[in-house]
Amino acid sequence: MGGFAFTSGDAPLHTPRMPPCVYQAVKEQCQQSLLDLYENVASPIEGPGKSDHGDVDLFVWKEKAPVESKGQGDEAAEFEPTSPSLVNPNPTPEHAIQAALGAEFSIITNGGSHFAVPWPADLDHAHVPHPPDQPKSYAQVDVTILHSEEQFQWSLFRHAHGDIWSILGSVIRPYGLTVGEHAMCLRIPEIEKSNRNKAKVLLTQDPAEVLDFLGLPADQYWAGPFASLDAMYEYVARCRMFWVPPATQDQPGEQEETPDGAGVKAEGDKQKLKSNDRRRMNSRPAFRVWVEDFLPRCRLESRYSEERTSRDRVRQEAFDRFGVGAEYQRRLGEHARETQVTHIWNHLIKDAFPASATYSPNVPQYRGCLIKALKKIILEGDETFGVLPDPEFPLKDDGGFYILGNVQEFINKHHQYVGSLALDRHCKMLREQRAEA
C-alpha cells in the first residue's frame, strides 16, 4: 500500500497519485473485473480528508473456478508483462488476476501483489504531467488474496478508515492490547521485551468483539468514511481506554500557548510516543494531527481528563470475556522458568567458575568439564554422575520452579566431586578415541 511499488528499479513506471475521480473509476472497474474470478471482492473504507490516493487496495476471497497455484517465492518478481495466462497453460491466481485487470506490469509476493493498470484514457487529464522518459501513466492496484471469510472480514476491518488503527493502537497499547493484521491480542509485559510474539495471547478475530471490548459503536464504524479527520478523532475518543493525562513538570512547554492562540504545544505528547509512533508522525498526516492538534485541544478544554480503566482491570476483563487466563498464566510460568534457567547457567554456574581462575587439577579442560556437568545435572536432570539433590533441600518446588538458594548450596557442596568425575570421563573418552584411530 502507498503507491510506490513501481517507482524504483531499472525501469520505473509513472504512477502518480490519483484524484478522487480516477481513484473511484479504477476501483470500480477493478472490482467488477475481479468478480469474474472471486465471489467476494471489496476495498476497505477510505480514510477521511484525502485529496488523492496512492493506490487502490482490494481484498478477494473464494475463487469461483480455482486456479492451480505453482507456488510463488517470497521474493518479489520483476515487472511482468500483461496477460501471462495467454502463454502459461497453468497460470497462478495472481496471473489470472493480472489478466483480468488488464495490468501491464506486476510485482507478485506472498503477502499481497501489486499491479500497474493503464491510467483511464477518458481521465488522462486528471494527473500531473508525466516525465518525458515515461510517456505512459499507470494506476497502482494492490490485491491481497484471503483464504477464509474470517480473514476477509478482518482485513476489511483492520484496514478501514486509513490511519485509525495507528491512532487506536497508541490508545490501547498502554493497556496491554494490540490489534494486528490477524487478531486482537493481550500482551504479557514480563515477556514482551524478550519475545514479542510469545508475549501475545490471542483474544479474538471477530471485529464486532473487538469494537465492543474497546467500547466503540460498530454501526458507526461500518457506516462509511468519516466526514472529517475530526469526526474520526471523536470516534476514537469514545474508546474506553482513551484519556488525556494532565501536563506534568517533566513536559516543558506543553502548557505554552501556540502563536495563533489555537491551543497548546504538544511536545509532551510527542515525548511519550513509542519509536514507531514517532516515525508515524513523519509519514502519517492523520496521526500527526492527532498528536499535535487533537490531544492538546482536549487537554486545553479539559476533556477526557480522567482515566477510565487500568491495565490490570483490562487484563481481568479479557480473562473473563475471552477465557484466556489459563493460557496467559501458562506462558508467564514458562517464561519465568526459562528466565531461571538462564540465570542459573550464566550466574550460578558460569560466573562462579570464571575462565581466568586457577583450578586444581590445573588442566585447561577442567573448567569446561565442570560447568557442562553441572548444567547437565541441575538443568537437564542427568543422574549418571550419581549426584542427586538432598530430598530435604530439593532443587525445584512443586510448581517446577528452581529454589535458587538450594541450587547454590548444591553447587557449593558438590562442584569439586562433579568436576573431578567430569574430567575423568573426558580423559577416558579421549583415550578411547585415540585407541580407535
Protein backbone atom coordinates (compact mmCIF):
# COMPACT_ATOMS: atom_id res chain seq x y z
CA MET A 1 0.00 0.00 0.00
CA GLY A 2 1.13 3.54 -0.64
CA GLY A 3 1.61 3.75 -4.41
CA PHE A 4 5.40 3.44 -4.65
CA ALA A 5 5.79 -0.19 -5.73
CA PHE A 6 6.71 0.61 -9.34
CA THR A 7 8.66 3.84 -8.89
CA SER A 8 12.10 2.29 -8.36
CA GLY A 9 14.30 -0.21 -10.19
CA ASP A 10 15.87 -0.18 -13.63
CA ALA A 11 12.64 0.71 -15.44
CA PRO A 12 10.43 2.74 -13.09
CA LEU A 13 6.86 3.48 -14.05
CA HIS A 14 4.95 6.73 -13.75
CA THR A 15 2.26 6.04 -11.12
CA PRO A 16 1.05 9.47 -9.99
CA ARG A 17 -1.32 9.90 -7.08
CA MET A 18 -4.93 9.55 -8.16
CA PRO A 19 -7.51 12.30 -7.68
CA PRO A 20 -10.88 11.05 -6.39
CA CYS A 21 -12.43 10.75 -9.85
CA VAL A 22 -9.62 8.49 -11.10
CA TYR A 23 -9.45 6.51 -7.87
CA GLN A 24 -13.18 5.79 -7.94
CA ALA A 25 -13.14 4.83 -11.62
CA VAL A 26 -10.17 2.47 -11.24
CA LYS A 27 -11.58 0.90 -8.08
CA GLU A 28 -15.00 0.22 -9.59
CA GLN A 29 -13.54 -1.20 -12.80
CA CYS A 30 -11.11 -3.48 -10.96
CA GLN A 31 -13.76 -4.70 -8.54
CA GLN A 32 -16.06 -5.57 -11.41
CA SER A 33 -13.28 -7.40 -13.26
CA LEU A 34 -12.27 -9.47 -10.23
CA LEU A 35 -15.87 -10.51 -9.56
CA ASP A 36 -15.45 -12.76 -12.60
CA LEU A 37 -12.81 -14.66 -10.61
CA TYR A 38 -13.88 -14.32 -6.96
CA GLU A 39 -17.16 -14.40 -5.10
CA ASN A 40 -16.03 -11.71 -2.68
CA VAL A 41 -14.21 -8.55 -3.77
CA ALA A 42 -14.05 -5.40 -1.65
CA SER A 43 -11.96 -2.39 -0.73
CA PRO A 44 -11.58 -1.11 2.82
CA ILE A 45 -13.44 2.05 3.80
CA GLU A 46 -11.30 5.05 2.89
CA GLY A 47 -9.83 7.37 5.45
CA PRO A 48 -11.23 10.90 5.79
CA GLY A 49 -9.78 14.05 4.37
CA LYS A 50 -7.81 12.53 1.49
CA SER A 51 -7.48 14.72 -1.58
CA ASP A 52 -5.78 11.96 -3.58
CA HIS A 53 -4.79 8.29 -3.36
CA GLY A 54 -1.53 6.45 -3.97
CA ASP A 55 -3.12 3.12 -4.85
CA VAL A 56 -6.31 1.07 -4.90
CA ASP A 57 -6.48 -1.67 -2.28
CA LEU A 58 -8.57 -4.76 -3.00
CA PHE A 59 -9.21 -7.88 -0.92
CA VAL A 60 -10.52 -11.03 -2.58
CA TRP A 61 -11.71 -14.36 -1.24
CA LYS A 62 -13.18 -17.59 -2.60
CA GLU A 63 -12.31 -18.27 -6.22
CA LYS A 64 -15.20 -19.19 -8.46
CA ALA A 65 -13.02 -21.51 -10.56
CA PRO A 66 -9.88 -22.20 -8.52
CA VAL A 67 -6.63 -21.71 -10.40
CA GLU A 68 -3.92 -24.22 -9.53
CA SER A 69 -1.01 -22.36 -7.97
CA LYS A 70 2.51 -23.43 -8.84
CA GLY A 71 3.77 -21.58 -5.75
CA GLN A 72 5.36 -18.19 -5.62
CA GLY A 73 8.54 -17.45 -3.71
CA ASP A 74 8.81 -14.79 -1.06
CA GLU A 75 10.89 -12.61 -3.33
CA ALA A 76 9.03 -10.11 -5.46
CA ALA A 77 9.07 -10.80 -9.18
CA GLU A 78 10.29 -8.12 -11.55
CA PHE A 79 7.69 -6.26 -13.55
CA GLU A 80 5.95 -8.88 -15.67
CA PRO A 81 4.17 -8.21 -18.99
CA THR A 82 0.42 -8.41 -19.12
CA SER A 83 -1.76 -11.42 -19.92
CA PRO A 84 0.63 -14.21 -18.86
CA SER A 85 -2.30 -16.62 -18.88
CA LEU A 86 -2.29 -16.42 -22.68
CA VAL A 87 1.10 -18.11 -22.78
CA ASN A 88 1.02 -20.02 -19.49
CA PRO A 89 -1.23 -23.11 -19.57
CA ASN A 90 -1.17 -23.29 -15.74
CA PRO A 91 -1.47 -19.71 -14.50
CA THR A 92 -1.28 -18.90 -10.82
CA PRO A 93 -4.16 -16.99 -9.19
CA GLU A 94 -2.01 -13.86 -9.39
CA HIS A 95 -1.52 -14.31 -13.12
CA ALA A 96 -5.27 -14.70 -13.56
CA ILE A 97 -5.82 -11.52 -11.56
CA GLN A 98 -3.29 -9.67 -13.70
CA ALA A 99 -5.04 -10.76 -16.88
CA ALA A 100 -8.48 -9.85 -15.51
CA LEU A 101 -7.28 -6.38 -14.53
CA GLY A 102 -5.51 -5.81 -17.83
CA ALA A 103 -2.41 -4.92 -15.86
CA GLU A 104 0.72 -4.43 -17.95
CA PHE A 105 3.12 -4.97 -15.06
CA SER A 106 3.02 -6.78 -11.75
CA ILE A 107 5.06 -7.48 -8.65
CA ILE A 108 4.00 -10.81 -7.16
CA THR A 109 4.66 -11.59 -3.50
CA ASN A 110 3.16 -13.91 -0.92
CA GLY A 111 1.97 -11.03 1.22
CA GLY A 112 -0.08 -9.33 -1.50
CA SER A 113 0.60 -8.35 -5.10
CA HIS A 114 0.92 -5.05 -6.92
CA PHE A 115 -0.43 -4.41 -10.41
CA ALA A 116 0.09 -1.46 -12.75
CA VAL A 117 -3.05 -0.85 -14.80
CA PRO A 118 -3.20 1.78 -17.55
CA TRP A 119 -4.46 5.17 -16.43
CA PRO A 120 -8.09 5.58 -17.63
CA ALA A 121 -7.93 7.11 -21.11
CA ASP A 122 -11.01 9.27 -20.57
CA LEU A 123 -9.41 10.75 -17.44
CA ASP A 124 -5.95 11.31 -18.85
CA HIS A 125 -6.16 14.98 -17.92
CA ALA A 126 -6.59 14.17 -14.24
CA HIS A 127 -2.99 13.65 -13.23
CA VAL A 128 0.27 15.51 -13.09
CA PRO A 129 2.24 15.61 -16.37
CA HIS A 130 4.40 12.54 -16.78
CA PRO A 131 8.17 12.78 -17.27
CA PRO A 132 9.49 12.75 -20.86
CA ASP A 133 11.15 9.35 -20.37
CA GLN A 134 7.89 7.85 -19.03
CA PRO A 135 5.31 8.54 -21.73
CA LYS A 136 2.61 6.38 -20.16
CA SER A 137 0.87 6.69 -16.79
CA TYR A 138 -0.41 3.85 -14.62
CA ALA A 139 -2.53 3.37 -11.54
CA GLN A 140 -1.20 1.03 -8.86
CA VAL A 141 -3.66 -1.62 -7.70
CA ASP A 142 -2.79 -3.82 -4.72
CA VAL A 143 -4.64 -7.13 -4.42
CA THR A 144 -4.50 -9.46 -1.42
CA ILE A 145 -5.92 -12.98 -1.68
CA LEU A 146 -7.52 -14.13 1.56
CA HIS A 147 -8.20 -17.76 2.38
CA SER A 148 -11.26 -17.65 4.64
CA GLU A 149 -14.26 -15.47 5.34
CA GLU A 150 -12.75 -14.62 8.73
CA GLN A 151 -9.54 -13.35 7.11
CA PHE A 152 -11.53 -11.41 4.52
CA GLN A 153 -13.69 -9.65 7.10
CA TRP A 154 -10.76 -8.98 9.41
CA SER A 155 -8.69 -7.40 6.62
CA LEU A 156 -11.55 -5.07 5.69
CA PHE A 157 -11.90 -4.21 9.37
CA ARG A 158 -8.21 -3.70 10.09
CA HIS A 159 -7.55 -1.53 7.02
CA ALA A 160 -10.71 0.59 7.20
CA HIS A 161 -10.55 4.34 7.78
CA GLY A 162 -6.93 4.86 6.80
CA ASP A 163 -4.82 5.58 9.88
CA ILE A 164 -7.47 4.91 12.51
CA TRP A 165 -5.63 1.85 13.84
CA SER A 166 -2.37 3.73 14.11
CA ILE A 167 -4.24 6.11 16.40
CA LEU A 168 -6.25 3.48 18.27
CA GLY A 169 -3.11 1.40 18.66
CA SER A 170 -1.43 4.23 20.54
CA VAL A 171 -4.52 4.46 22.78
CA ILE A 172 -4.86 0.78 23.70
CA ARG A 173 -1.17 -0.18 23.79
CA PRO A 174 -0.58 1.06 27.38
CA TYR A 175 -3.39 -1.26 28.49
CA GLY A 176 -1.71 -4.35 27.08
CA LEU A 177 -3.84 -4.68 23.93
CA THR A 178 -2.69 -4.98 20.32
CA VAL A 179 -4.87 -5.16 17.22
CA GLY A 180 -2.68 -6.57 14.46
CA GLU A 181 -3.04 -7.99 10.98
CA HIS A 182 -4.74 -11.16 12.22
CA ALA A 183 -6.33 -10.66 15.64
CA MET A 184 -6.62 -8.68 18.84
CA CYS A 185 -4.13 -9.90 21.42
CA LEU A 186 -3.34 -9.34 25.07
CA ARG A 187 0.35 -8.77 25.75
CA ILE A 188 2.26 -10.21 28.71
CA PRO A 189 4.55 -7.40 29.93
CA GLU A 190 7.09 -9.74 31.54
CA ILE A 191 7.68 -11.44 28.17
CA GLU A 192 7.30 -8.76 25.50
CA LYS A 193 10.76 -7.26 25.92
CA SER A 194 12.45 -10.57 25.10
CA ASN A 195 9.90 -12.21 22.76
CA ARG A 196 7.13 -10.06 21.31
CA ASN A 197 5.32 -12.87 19.53
CA LYS A 198 5.29 -15.18 22.53
CA ALA A 199 4.01 -12.32 24.66
CA LYS A 200 0.81 -12.05 22.60
CA VAL A 201 -2.17 -14.10 23.77
CA LEU A 202 -4.92 -14.26 21.13
CA LEU A 203 -8.23 -12.83 22.28
CA THR A 204 -10.46 -12.68 19.21
CA GLN A 205 -10.54 -12.43 15.42
CA ASP A 206 -14.10 -11.11 15.39
CA PRO A 207 -14.28 -7.39 14.53
CA ALA A 208 -17.57 -6.99 16.42
CA GLU A 209 -15.99 -8.41 19.58
CA VAL A 210 -13.02 -6.06 19.23
CA LEU A 211 -15.14 -2.94 18.89
CA ASP A 212 -17.42 -3.93 21.74
CA PHE A 213 -14.49 -4.66 24.06
CA LEU A 214 -12.97 -1.27 23.26
CA GLY A 215 -16.29 0.48 23.80
CA LEU A 216 -16.68 1.62 20.19
CA PRO A 217 -20.02 1.52 18.30
CA ALA A 218 -19.88 -0.95 15.41
CA ASP A 219 -22.64 0.66 13.35
CA GLN A 220 -20.73 3.92 13.09
CA TYR A 221 -17.51 2.08 12.21
CA TRP A 222 -19.10 0.31 9.23
CA ALA A 223 -21.36 3.18 8.09
CA GLY A 224 -18.79 4.58 5.67
CA PRO A 225 -15.97 7.10 5.67
CA PHE A 226 -15.91 9.67 8.45
CA ALA A 227 -16.89 13.14 7.29
CA SER A 228 -13.61 14.62 8.50
CA LEU A 229 -10.47 13.87 10.47
CA ASP A 230 -12.05 15.49 13.50
CA ALA A 231 -15.07 13.19 13.23
CA MET A 232 -12.73 10.20 13.21
CA TYR A 233 -10.82 11.55 16.22
CA GLU A 234 -14.06 11.99 18.15
CA TYR A 235 -14.96 8.39 17.37
CA VAL A 236 -11.58 7.17 18.64
CA ALA A 237 -12.07 9.23 21.79
CA ARG A 238 -15.10 7.10 22.64
CA CYS A 239 -12.74 4.17 23.25
CA ARG A 240 -12.93 3.43 26.96
CA MET A 241 -9.12 3.33 27.23
CA PHE A 242 -8.73 6.85 25.87
CA TRP A 243 -7.84 9.70 28.19
CA VAL A 244 -5.66 12.79 28.11
CA PRO A 245 -3.33 12.98 31.12
CA PRO A 246 -2.56 16.41 32.53
CA ALA A 247 0.60 18.25 31.66
CA THR A 248 3.41 17.46 34.09
CA GLN A 249 6.51 19.28 35.17
CA ASP A 250 8.72 16.97 33.10
CA GLN A 251 6.92 18.10 29.93
CA PRO A 252 8.28 21.65 29.50
CA GLY A 253 6.37 23.92 27.19
CA GLU A 254 3.30 21.75 26.95
CA GLN A 255 1.09 24.40 28.51
CA GLU A 256 2.51 27.25 26.43
CA GLU A 257 0.04 28.77 24.02
CA THR A 258 0.77 28.38 20.32
CA PRO A 259 1.44 31.64 18.43
CA ASP A 260 -2.07 31.71 16.98
CA GLY A 261 -3.66 31.01 20.37
CA ALA A 262 -5.46 27.97 18.97
CA GLY A 263 -4.16 25.50 21.52
CA VAL A 264 -1.16 24.30 23.48
CA LYS A 265 2.10 22.87 22.30
CA ALA A 266 2.19 19.10 22.02
CA GLU A 267 5.82 18.49 22.97
CA GLY A 268 4.84 16.38 25.98
CA ASP A 269 2.56 14.17 23.89
CA LYS A 270 5.36 13.64 21.37
CA GLN A 271 7.85 12.72 24.08
CA LYS A 272 5.57 9.97 25.35
CA LEU A 273 5.30 8.31 21.95
CA LYS A 274 6.96 4.98 21.18
CA SER A 275 9.61 4.98 18.44
CA ASN A 276 7.19 3.51 15.88
CA ASP A 277 4.68 6.24 16.65
CA ARG A 278 7.33 8.93 16.28
CA ARG A 279 8.06 7.58 12.81
CA ARG A 280 4.35 7.69 12.02
CA MET A 281 4.39 11.37 12.90
CA ASN A 282 6.51 11.93 9.79
CA SER A 283 4.74 9.55 7.41
CA ARG A 284 1.09 9.67 8.53
CA PRO A 285 -0.51 13.14 8.43
CA ALA A 286 -3.67 11.98 10.24
CA PHE A 287 -1.61 10.61 13.11
CA ARG A 288 0.46 13.79 13.28
CA VAL A 289 -2.65 15.98 13.52
CA TRP A 290 -4.00 13.70 16.26
CA VAL A 291 -0.86 14.25 18.34
CA GLU A 292 -0.20 17.89 17.53
CA ASP A 293 -3.76 19.20 17.48
CA PHE A 294 -6.48 16.93 18.88
CA LEU A 295 -4.74 15.79 22.08
CA PRO A 296 -3.59 19.30 23.11
CA ARG A 297 -7.04 20.67 22.27
CA CYS A 298 -8.70 18.08 24.51
CA ARG A 299 -6.30 18.98 27.31
CA LEU A 300 -6.97 22.70 26.89
CA GLU A 301 -10.73 22.05 27.05
CA SER A 302 -10.37 19.61 29.99
CA ARG A 303 -11.98 16.80 28.00
CA TYR A 304 -11.28 13.13 28.77
CA SER A 305 -9.09 14.19 31.69
CA GLU A 306 -9.87 11.16 33.88
CA GLU A 307 -8.55 7.66 33.28
CA ARG A 308 -11.49 5.29 33.00
CA THR A 309 -9.78 1.94 33.48
CA SER A 310 -6.39 0.33 34.18
CA ARG A 311 -4.16 -2.30 32.64
CA ASP A 312 -4.90 -4.73 35.47
CA ARG A 313 -8.64 -4.25 35.04
CA VAL A 314 -8.47 -4.67 31.26
CA ARG A 315 -6.44 -7.85 31.73
CA GLN A 316 -9.01 -9.33 34.10
CA GLU A 317 -11.86 -8.35 31.77
CA ALA A 318 -10.05 -10.11 28.92
CA PHE A 319 -9.66 -13.23 31.08
CA ASP A 320 -13.37 -13.20 31.91
CA ARG A 321 -14.64 -12.45 28.41
CA PHE A 322 -12.30 -14.49 26.23
CA GLY A 323 -11.28 -17.27 28.64
CA VAL A 324 -7.54 -16.82 28.18
CA GLY A 325 -6.48 -16.66 31.83
CA ALA A 326 -5.07 -20.20 31.89
CA GLU A 327 -3.04 -19.68 28.71
CA TYR A 328 -1.76 -16.33 29.99
CA GLN A 329 -0.58 -17.90 33.26
CA ARG A 330 0.91 -20.90 31.45
CA ARG A 331 3.07 -18.68 29.25
CA LEU A 332 4.01 -16.48 32.19
CA GLY A 333 5.12 -19.51 34.21
CA GLU A 334 7.02 -20.98 31.27
CA HIS A 335 8.83 -17.68 30.79
CA ALA A 336 9.69 -17.48 34.49
CA ARG A 337 11.20 -20.97 34.38
CA GLU A 338 13.20 -20.14 31.25
CA THR A 339 14.46 -16.99 32.94
CA GLN A 340 15.53 -19.03 35.96
CA VAL A 341 17.41 -21.49 33.75
CA THR A 342 19.27 -18.63 32.05
CA HIS A 343 20.12 -17.06 35.41
CA ILE A 344 21.40 -20.33 36.89
CA TRP A 345 23.56 -21.10 33.84
CA ASN A 346 25.01 -17.61 33.44
CA HIS A 347 25.45 -16.61 37.06
CA LEU A 348 25.30 -19.52 39.50
CA ILE A 349 27.36 -21.84 37.28
CA LYS A 350 29.49 -19.94 34.74
CA ASP A 351 30.18 -16.83 36.82
CA ALA A 352 31.03 -18.96 39.86
CA PHE A 353 33.88 -20.59 37.94
CA PRO A 354 35.46 -17.85 35.79
CA ALA A 355 37.80 -18.75 32.96
CA SER A 356 40.57 -16.62 34.48
CA ALA A 357 40.71 -18.62 37.71
CA THR A 358 43.21 -21.37 38.53
CA TYR A 359 41.74 -24.74 39.39
CA SER A 360 43.03 -27.94 40.89
CA PRO A 361 43.79 -30.03 38.95
CA ASN A 362 45.33 -27.26 36.80
CA VAL A 363 44.41 -28.54 33.35
CA PRO A 364 42.82 -26.48 30.54
CA GLN A 365 39.81 -28.77 30.19
CA TYR A 366 38.79 -28.77 33.85
CA ARG A 367 36.54 -25.71 33.89
CA GLY A 368 34.74 -26.71 30.70
CA CYS A 369 34.12 -30.22 32.01
CA LEU A 370 32.89 -28.86 35.35
CA ILE A 371 30.37 -26.30 34.13
CA LYS A 372 28.97 -28.62 31.44
CA ALA A 373 28.49 -31.36 34.02
CA LEU A 374 26.76 -29.01 36.47
CA LYS A 375 24.48 -27.86 33.66
CA LYS A 376 23.55 -31.46 32.84
CA ILE A 377 22.88 -32.36 36.47
CA ILE A 378 20.99 -29.24 37.56
CA LEU A 379 19.25 -28.04 34.40
CA GLU A 380 18.84 -31.27 32.41
CA GLY A 381 18.25 -33.78 35.22
CA ASP A 382 21.22 -36.02 34.33
CA GLU A 383 21.59 -38.67 37.07
CA THR A 384 24.51 -40.58 35.52
CA PHE A 385 27.02 -38.69 37.65
CA GLY A 386 25.48 -40.25 40.76
CA VAL A 387 25.00 -36.85 42.41
CA LEU A 388 21.41 -36.29 43.47
CA PRO A 389 19.80 -33.42 45.39
CA ASP A 390 19.08 -33.93 49.07
CA PRO A 391 15.32 -34.67 49.39
CA GLU A 392 15.17 -32.17 52.24
CA PHE A 393 16.68 -29.47 50.00
CA PRO A 394 15.17 -30.08 46.55
CA LEU A 395 16.32 -28.02 43.59
CA LYS A 396 12.72 -27.34 42.49
CA ASP A 397 9.45 -26.65 44.24
CA ASP A 398 6.14 -28.35 43.50
CA GLY A 399 5.43 -25.85 40.71
CA GLY A 400 8.61 -26.71 38.84
CA PHE A 401 10.44 -23.50 39.79
CA TYR A 402 14.02 -23.65 40.97
CA ILE A 403 14.80 -22.83 44.59
CA LEU A 404 17.87 -20.71 43.94
CA GLY A 405 19.26 -20.97 47.46
CA ASN A 406 19.20 -24.77 47.28
CA VAL A 407 20.80 -24.69 43.82
CA GLN A 408 23.63 -22.52 45.14
CA GLU A 409 24.17 -24.81 48.12
CA PHE A 410 24.18 -27.87 45.84
CA ILE A 411 26.91 -26.31 43.67
CA ASN A 412 29.00 -25.33 46.69
CA LYS A 413 28.76 -28.83 48.14
CA HIS A 414 29.34 -30.95 45.03
CA HIS A 415 31.35 -28.95 42.49
CA GLN A 416 34.74 -30.49 43.34
CA TYR A 417 33.48 -34.06 43.06
CA VAL A 418 31.50 -33.28 39.90
CA GLY A 419 34.47 -31.54 38.29
CA SER A 420 36.83 -34.42 39.04
CA LEU A 421 34.39 -37.02 37.74
CA ALA A 422 33.62 -34.97 34.61
CA LEU A 423 37.34 -34.57 33.86
CA ASP A 424 37.90 -38.32 34.30
CA ARG A 425 35.09 -39.02 31.82
CA HIS A 426 36.56 -36.56 29.35
CA CYS A 427 40.04 -38.10 29.58
CA LYS A 428 38.62 -41.61 29.22
CA MET A 429 36.74 -40.55 26.08
CA LEU A 430 39.93 -39.11 24.58
CA ARG A 431 41.86 -42.33 25.29
CA GLU A 432 39.14 -44.40 23.62
CA GLN A 433 39.15 -42.13 20.57
CA ARG A 434 42.93 -42.44 20.23
CA ALA A 435 42.74 -46.21 20.57
CA GLU A 436 40.19 -46.40 17.76
CA ALA A 437 42.21 -44.10 15.49
